[in-house]
C-alpha atoms as a PDB file:
ATOM      1  CA  MET A   1     -10.050 -86.605  83.377  1.00  0.00           C
ATOM      2  CA  ARG A   2     -12.224 -85.246  80.544  1.00  0.00           C
ATOM      3  CA  ASP A   3     -10.522 -82.654  78.319  1.00  0.00           C
ATOM      4  CA  VAL A   4     -12.796 -79.591  78.135  1.00  0.00           C
ATOM      5  CA  THR A   5     -10.794 -77.572  75.613  1.00  0.00           C
ATOM      6  CA  ALA A   6     -10.026 -80.087  72.840  1.00  0.00           C
ATOM      7  CA  VAL A   7     -13.245 -79.231  71.003  1.00  0.00           C
ATOM      8  CA  MET A   8     -12.297 -75.550  71.119  1.00  0.00           C
ATOM      9  CA  VAL A   9      -8.826 -76.193  69.722  1.00  0.00           C
ATOM     10  CA  ASP A  10     -10.369 -78.272  66.933  1.00  0.00           C
ATOM     11  CA  GLU A  11     -12.800 -75.478  66.054  1.00  0.00           C
ATOM     12  CA  HIS A  12      -9.885 -73.041  65.986  1.00  0.00           C
ATOM     13  CA  ARG A  13      -8.368 -75.038  63.103  1.00  0.00           C
ATOM     14  CA  LEU A  14     -11.325 -74.239  60.817  1.00  0.00           C
ATOM     15  CA  ILE A  15     -11.380 -70.609  61.952  1.00  0.00           C
ATOM     16  CA  LEU A  16      -7.663 -70.296  61.144  1.00  0.00           C
ATOM     17  CA  ARG A  17      -8.272 -71.754  57.689  1.00  0.00           C
ATOM     18  CA  MET A  18     -10.877 -69.041  57.039  1.00  0.00           C
ATOM     19  CA  ILE A  19      -8.507 -66.398  58.383  1.00  0.00           C
ATOM     20  CA  THR A  20      -5.870 -67.608  55.906  1.00  0.00           C
ATOM     21  CA  LEU A  21      -8.396 -67.230  53.087  1.00  0.00           C
ATOM     22  CA  VAL A  22      -9.319 -63.740  54.275  1.00  0.00           C
ATOM     23  CA  GLU A  23      -5.643 -62.739  54.361  1.00  0.00           C
ATOM     24  CA  HIS A  24      -4.956 -64.116  50.874  1.00  0.00           C
ATOM     25  CA  ASN A  25      -8.025 -62.544  49.317  1.00  0.00           C
ATOM     26  CA  ALA A  26      -7.452 -59.207  51.063  1.00  0.00           C
ATOM     27  CA  ALA A  27      -3.952 -59.114  49.552  1.00  0.00           C
ATOM     28  CA  ARG A  28      -5.376 -59.976  46.136  1.00  0.00           C
ATOM     29  CA  LEU A  29      -8.053 -57.287  46.567  1.00  0.00           C
ATOM     30  CA  GLU A  30      -5.434 -54.700  47.498  1.00  0.00           C
ATOM     31  CA  ALA A  31      -3.361 -55.651  44.431  1.00  0.00           C
ATOM     32  CA  GLY A  32      -6.408 -55.196  42.187  1.00  0.00           C
ATOM     33  CA  GLU A  33      -6.453 -58.910  41.287  1.00  0.00           C
ATOM     34  CA  TYR A  34      -9.662 -59.855  43.085  1.00  0.00           C
ATOM     35  CA  ARG A  35     -13.101 -58.304  43.326  1.00  0.00           C
ATOM     36  CA  ASP A  36     -15.255 -61.103  44.694  1.00  0.00           C
ATOM     37  CA  TRP A  37     -17.248 -59.133  47.263  1.00  0.00           C
ATOM     38  CA  GLN A  38     -19.347 -62.225  47.938  1.00  0.00           C
ATOM     39  CA  PHE A  39     -16.285 -63.984  49.360  1.00  0.00           C
ATOM     40  CA  PHE A  40     -15.951 -61.279  52.008  1.00  0.00           C
ATOM     41  CA  LEU A  41     -19.687 -61.442  52.771  1.00  0.00           C
ATOM     42  CA  ASP A  42     -19.395 -65.230  53.077  1.00  0.00           C
ATOM     43  CA  ALA A  43     -16.406 -64.736  55.397  1.00  0.00           C
ATOM     44  CA  VAL A  44     -18.513 -62.376  57.517  1.00  0.00           C
ATOM     45  CA  ALA A  45     -21.301 -64.991  57.677  1.00  0.00           C
ATOM     46  CA  PHE A  46     -18.756 -67.683  58.655  1.00  0.00           C
ATOM     47  CA  ILE A  47     -17.264 -65.493  61.363  1.00  0.00           C
ATOM     48  CA  ARG A  48     -20.627 -64.469  62.785  1.00  0.00           C
ATOM     49  CA  ASN A  49     -22.279 -67.871  62.639  1.00  0.00           C
ATOM     50  CA  TYR A  50     -19.440 -70.334  63.167  1.00  0.00           C
ATOM     51  CA  ALA A  51     -16.678 -68.422  64.959  1.00  0.00           C
ATOM     52  CA  ASP A  52     -18.894 -66.157  67.040  1.00  0.00           C
ATOM     53  CA  ARG A  53     -22.321 -67.704  67.653  1.00  0.00           C
ATOM     54  CA  PHE A  54     -21.139 -71.321  67.622  1.00  0.00           C
ATOM     55  CA  HIS A  55     -17.546 -71.262  68.946  1.00  0.00           C
ATOM     56  CA  HIS A  56     -17.327 -68.059  71.007  1.00  0.00           C
ATOM     57  CA  ALA A  57     -20.708 -68.801  72.548  1.00  0.00           C
ATOM     58  CA  LYS A  58     -19.283 -72.001  74.057  1.00  0.00           C
ATOM     59  CA  GLU A  59     -16.309 -70.074  75.375  1.00  0.00           C
ATOM     60  CA  GLU A  60     -18.305 -67.147  76.735  1.00  0.00           C
ATOM     61  CA  HIS A  61     -21.262 -69.083  78.167  1.00  0.00           C
ATOM     62  CA  VAL A  62     -19.490 -72.210  79.385  1.00  0.00           C
ATOM     63  CA  LEU A  63     -15.687 -72.202  79.612  1.00  0.00           C
ATOM     64  CA  PHE A  64     -15.120 -68.608  80.719  1.00  0.00           C
ATOM     65  CA  LYS A  65     -17.999 -68.748  83.216  1.00  0.00           C
ATOM     66  CA  GLU A  66     -16.557 -71.922  84.720  1.00  0.00           C
ATOM     67  CA  LEU A  67     -13.131 -70.325  85.018  1.00  0.00           C
ATOM     68  CA  VAL A  68     -14.662 -67.380  86.880  1.00  0.00           C
ATOM     69  CA  ARG A  69     -16.709 -69.745  89.052  1.00  0.00           C
ATOM     70  CA  ASN A  70     -13.432 -71.528  89.863  1.00  0.00           C
ATOM     71  CA  GLY A  71     -11.888 -68.288  91.126  1.00  0.00           C
ATOM     72  CA  MET A  72     -10.463 -66.450  88.118  1.00  0.00           C
ATOM     73  CA  PRO A  73     -11.393 -62.765  88.379  1.00  0.00           C
ATOM     74  CA  ALA A  74     -14.011 -61.613  85.875  1.00  0.00           C
ATOM     75  CA  GLU A  75     -12.270 -58.229  85.513  1.00  0.00           C
ATOM     76  CA  ASN A  76      -8.598 -57.554  84.741  1.00  0.00           C
ATOM     77  CA  SER A  77      -8.041 -61.195  83.920  1.00  0.00           C
ATOM     78  CA  PRO A  78      -7.380 -63.478  80.955  1.00  0.00           C
ATOM     79  CA  VAL A  79     -11.143 -63.978  80.623  1.00  0.00           C
ATOM     80  CA  ALA A  80     -11.713 -60.222  80.422  1.00  0.00           C
ATOM     81  CA  ALA A  81      -8.965 -59.925  77.797  1.00  0.00           C
ATOM     82  CA  MET A  82     -10.514 -62.706  75.695  1.00  0.00           C
ATOM     83  CA  LEU A  83     -13.960 -61.094  75.887  1.00  0.00           C
ATOM     84  CA  LEU A  84     -12.480 -57.750  74.831  1.00  0.00           C
ATOM     85  CA  ALA A  85     -10.831 -59.437  71.833  1.00  0.00           C
ATOM     86  CA  HIS A  86     -14.177 -60.985  70.867  1.00  0.00           C
ATOM     87  CA  ASP A  87     -15.744 -57.513  70.881  1.00  0.00           C
ATOM     88  CA  GLN A  88     -12.856 -56.013  68.901  1.00  0.00           C
ATOM     89  CA  GLY A  89     -13.210 -58.815  66.358  1.00  0.00           C
ATOM     90  CA  ARG A  90     -16.906 -58.050  65.958  1.00  0.00           C
ATOM     91  CA  ALA A  91     -16.059 -54.427  65.127  1.00  0.00           C
ATOM     92  CA  PHE A  92     -13.586 -55.512  62.420  1.00  0.00           C
ATOM     93  CA  VAL A  93     -16.180 -57.910  60.985  1.00  0.00           C
ATOM     94  CA  LYS A  94     -18.765 -55.112  60.832  1.00  0.00           C
ATOM     95  CA  GLY A  95     -16.241 -52.937  58.972  1.00  0.00           C
ATOM     96  CA  MET A  96     -15.487 -55.784  56.561  1.00  0.00           C
ATOM     97  CA  GLU A  97     -19.193 -56.261  55.907  1.00  0.00           C
ATOM     98  CA  ILE A  98     -19.866 -52.569  55.312  1.00  0.00           C
ATOM     99  CA  GLY A  99     -16.897 -52.368  52.950  1.00  0.00           C
ATOM    100  CA  ALA A 100     -17.953 -55.447  50.980  1.00  0.00           C
ATOM    101  CA  LEU A 101     -21.507 -54.152  50.630  1.00  0.00           C
ATOM    102  CA  ARG A 102     -20.166 -50.788  49.482  1.00  0.00           C
ATOM    103  CA  GLY A 103     -17.823 -52.546  47.045  1.00  0.00           C
ATOM    104  CA  ARG A 104     -20.672 -54.570  45.621  1.00  0.00           C
ATOM    105  CA  SER A 105     -22.482 -51.241  45.047  1.00  0.00           C
ATOM    106  CA  GLY A 106     -19.462 -49.800  43.225  1.00  0.00           C
ATOM    107  CA  ALA A 107     -17.851 -47.611  45.903  1.00  0.00           C
ATOM    108  CA  GLU A 108     -14.317 -46.776  44.784  1.00  0.00           C
ATOM    109  CA  ASP A 109     -12.770 -46.804  48.264  1.00  0.00           C
ATOM    110  CA  ALA A 110     -14.425 -50.029  49.423  1.00  0.00           C
ATOM    111  CA  ALA A 111     -11.384 -52.188  48.777  1.00  0.00           C
ATOM    112  CA  ALA A 112      -9.275 -50.202  51.261  1.00  0.00           C
ATOM    113  CA  GLN A 113     -11.992 -50.568  53.911  1.00  0.00           C
ATOM    114  CA  VAL A 114     -12.278 -54.313  53.368  1.00  0.00           C
ATOM    115  CA  VAL A 115      -8.499 -54.789  53.354  1.00  0.00           C
ATOM    116  CA  ALA A 116      -7.972 -52.785  56.554  1.00  0.00           C
ATOM    117  CA  ASN A 117     -10.713 -54.578  58.458  1.00  0.00           C
ATOM    118  CA  SER A 118      -9.736 -58.000  57.091  1.00  0.00           C
ATOM    119  CA  ARG A 119      -6.141 -57.529  58.164  1.00  0.00           C
ATOM    120  CA  GLY A 120      -7.145 -56.138  61.541  1.00  0.00           C
ATOM    121  CA  TYR A 121      -9.426 -59.103  62.175  1.00  0.00           C
ATOM    122  CA  ALA A 122      -6.877 -61.654  60.984  1.00  0.00           C
ATOM    123  CA  ALA A 123      -4.081 -60.246  63.145  1.00  0.00           C
ATOM    124  CA  LEU A 124      -6.321 -59.991  66.189  1.00  0.00           C
ATOM    125  CA  LEU A 125      -7.698 -63.519  65.833  1.00  0.00           C
ATOM    126  CA  ARG A 126      -4.354 -65.152  65.137  1.00  0.00           C
ATOM    127  CA  GLU A 127      -2.967 -63.677  68.363  1.00  0.00           C
ATOM    128  CA  HIS A 128      -6.211 -64.430  70.237  1.00  0.00           C
ATOM    129  CA  ILE A 129      -6.270 -68.071  69.162  1.00  0.00           C
ATOM    130  CA  HIS A 130      -2.578 -68.482  69.974  1.00  0.00           C
ATOM    131  CA  THR A 131      -3.193 -67.107  73.482  1.00  0.00           C
ATOM    132  CA  GLU A 132      -6.171 -69.388  74.025  1.00  0.00           C
ATOM    133  CA  ASP A 133      -4.510 -72.522  72.641  1.00  0.00           C
ATOM    134  CA  HIS A 134      -1.173 -72.041  74.412  1.00  0.00           C
ATOM    135  CA  ILE A 135      -2.017 -70.172  77.621  1.00  0.00           C
ATOM    136  CA  LEU A 136      -5.696 -70.028  78.598  1.00  0.00           C
ATOM    137  CA  TYR A 137      -6.796 -73.515  77.563  1.00  0.00           C
ATOM    138  CA  PRO A 138      -3.830 -75.305  79.197  1.00  0.00           C
ATOM    139  CA  LEU A 139      -4.531 -73.250  82.334  1.00  0.00           C
ATOM    140  CA  ALA A 140      -8.194 -74.298  82.225  1.00  0.00           C
ATOM    141  CA  GLU A 141      -7.177 -77.946  81.902  1.00  0.00           C
ATOM    142  CA  ARG A 142      -5.000 -77.615  84.997  1.00  0.00           C
ATOM    143  CA  VAL A 143      -7.407 -75.734  87.259  1.00  0.00           C
ATOM    144  CA  LEU A 144     -10.957 -76.815  86.436  1.00  0.00           C
ATOM    145  CA  PRO A 145     -12.141 -79.533  88.807  1.00  0.00           C
ATOM    146  CA  ALA A 146     -12.793 -83.003  87.431  1.00  0.00           C
ATOM    147  CA  ASP A 147     -16.338 -83.045  88.767  1.00  0.00           C
ATOM    148  CA  TRP A 148     -17.300 -79.977  86.671  1.00  0.00           C
ATOM    149  CA  ARG A 149     -16.141 -81.397  83.356  1.00  0.00           C
ATOM    150  CA  ASP A 150     -19.068 -83.638  82.496  1.00  0.00           C
ATOM    151  CA  GLY A 151     -21.406 -80.688  83.023  1.00  0.00           C
ATOM    152  CA  MET A 152     -19.261 -78.535  80.754  1.00  0.00           C
ATOM    153  CA  ALA A 153     -19.267 -81.208  78.055  1.00  0.00           C
ATOM    154  CA  ALA A 154     -23.059 -81.431  78.347  1.00  0.00           C
ATOM    155  CA  ALA A 155     -23.321 -77.627  78.027  1.00  0.00           C
ATOM    156  CA  TYR A 156     -21.145 -77.727  74.884  1.00  0.00           C
ATOM    157  CA  ALA A 157     -23.349 -80.479  73.451  1.00  0.00           C
ATOM    158  CA  SER A 158     -26.450 -78.432  74.228  1.00  0.00           C
ATOM    159  CA  ALA A 159     -24.946 -75.407  72.457  1.00  0.00           C
ATOM    160  CA  GLU A 160     -24.187 -77.570  69.438  1.00  0.00           C
ATOM    161  CA  GLU A 161     -27.754 -78.925  69.437  1.00  0.00           C
ATOM    162  CA  ASP A 162     -29.077 -75.353  69.504  1.00  0.00           C
ATOM    163  CA  ALA A 163     -27.077 -74.480  66.382  1.00  0.00           C
ATOM    164  CA  PRO A 164     -28.897 -74.551  63.066  1.00  0.00           C
ATOM    165  CA  PRO A 165     -28.870 -78.040  61.515  1.00  0.00           C
ATOM    166  CA  GLY A 166     -25.840 -78.652  59.325  1.00  0.00           C
ATOM    167  CA  LEU A 167     -23.978 -75.534  60.503  1.00  0.00           C
ATOM    168  CA  GLN A 168     -20.625 -77.261  60.969  1.00  0.00           C
ATOM    169  CA  GLU A 169     -20.844 -79.124  57.668  1.00  0.00           C
ATOM    170  CA  ARG A 170     -21.959 -75.976  55.828  1.00  0.00           C
ATOM    171  CA  TYR A 171     -18.980 -73.963  56.979  1.00  0.00           C
ATOM    172  CA  HIS A 172     -16.475 -76.768  56.460  1.00  0.00           C
ATOM    173  CA  THR A 173     -17.773 -77.015  52.879  1.00  0.00           C
ATOM    174  CA  LEU A 174     -17.596 -73.236  52.432  1.00  0.00           C
ATOM    175  CA  VAL A 175     -13.960 -73.098  53.571  1.00  0.00           C
ATOM    176  CA  GLU A 176     -13.002 -76.105  51.447  1.00  0.00           C
ATOM    177  CA  GLY A 177     -14.656 -74.531  48.387  1.00  0.00           C
ATOM    178  CA  TYR A 178     -12.776 -71.257  48.751  1.00  0.00           C
ATOM    179  CA  GLU A 179      -9.521 -73.129  49.408  1.00  0.00           C
ATOM    180  CA  ALA A 180     -10.066 -75.046  46.159  1.00  0.00           C
ATOM    181  CA  GLU A 181     -10.756 -71.760  44.362  1.00  0.00           C
ATOM    182  CA  LEU A 182      -7.439 -70.350  45.595  1.00  0.00           C
ATOM    183  CA  ARG A 183      -5.567 -73.471  44.509  1.00  0.00           C
ATOM    184  CA  GLU A 184      -7.152 -73.258  41.050  1.00  0.00           C
ATOM    185  CA  ALA A 185      -6.176 -69.583  40.830  1.00  0.00           C
ATOM    186  CA  GLY A 186      -2.605 -70.631  41.611  1.00  0.00           C
ATOM    187  CA  THR A 187      -2.367 -68.494  44.726  1.00  0.00           C
ATOM    188  CA  GLY A 188      -2.697 -71.343  47.242  1.00  0.00           C
ATOM    189  CA  ALA A 189      -3.985 -71.079  50.785  1.00  0.00           C
END
């Protein structure tokens, strides 16, 4: 039987690597050791384009819809909780972006705004990904009918084809570059 969540788990690995970078650089920012506002803007772009439009779109428009079609309630359910977390994450990302833009313009209190939103996003997403990887996705693998799986895989492939060319490679390279920067700074990710 075709596994319909393996691609999601794999995408989570890159998202977690970016979250680790965000956590490290937020701590450095708070300590006054780091003022690379562009990193936080790049993190926002990664989150919006890779984590949200690329990854969450597959969850929201394919996996979650199939779970509901298979009988999971749309309201007061794991799907509803995951969708709420996606929306909460978007609010943290907006706050991170506003803070980074303010920091780039010289606002004195921007670092606190970026740190708070970075930490809020990181904590939310770590818990969210853990829940998906260890509860929701295994449940999906158990309950989704075998005859739906090829259609789901085709819908994932279609979503990937609709993504801008080179999106996955671009964001893998971005994460790897910032990881290398942290290693060179001796703070390690």
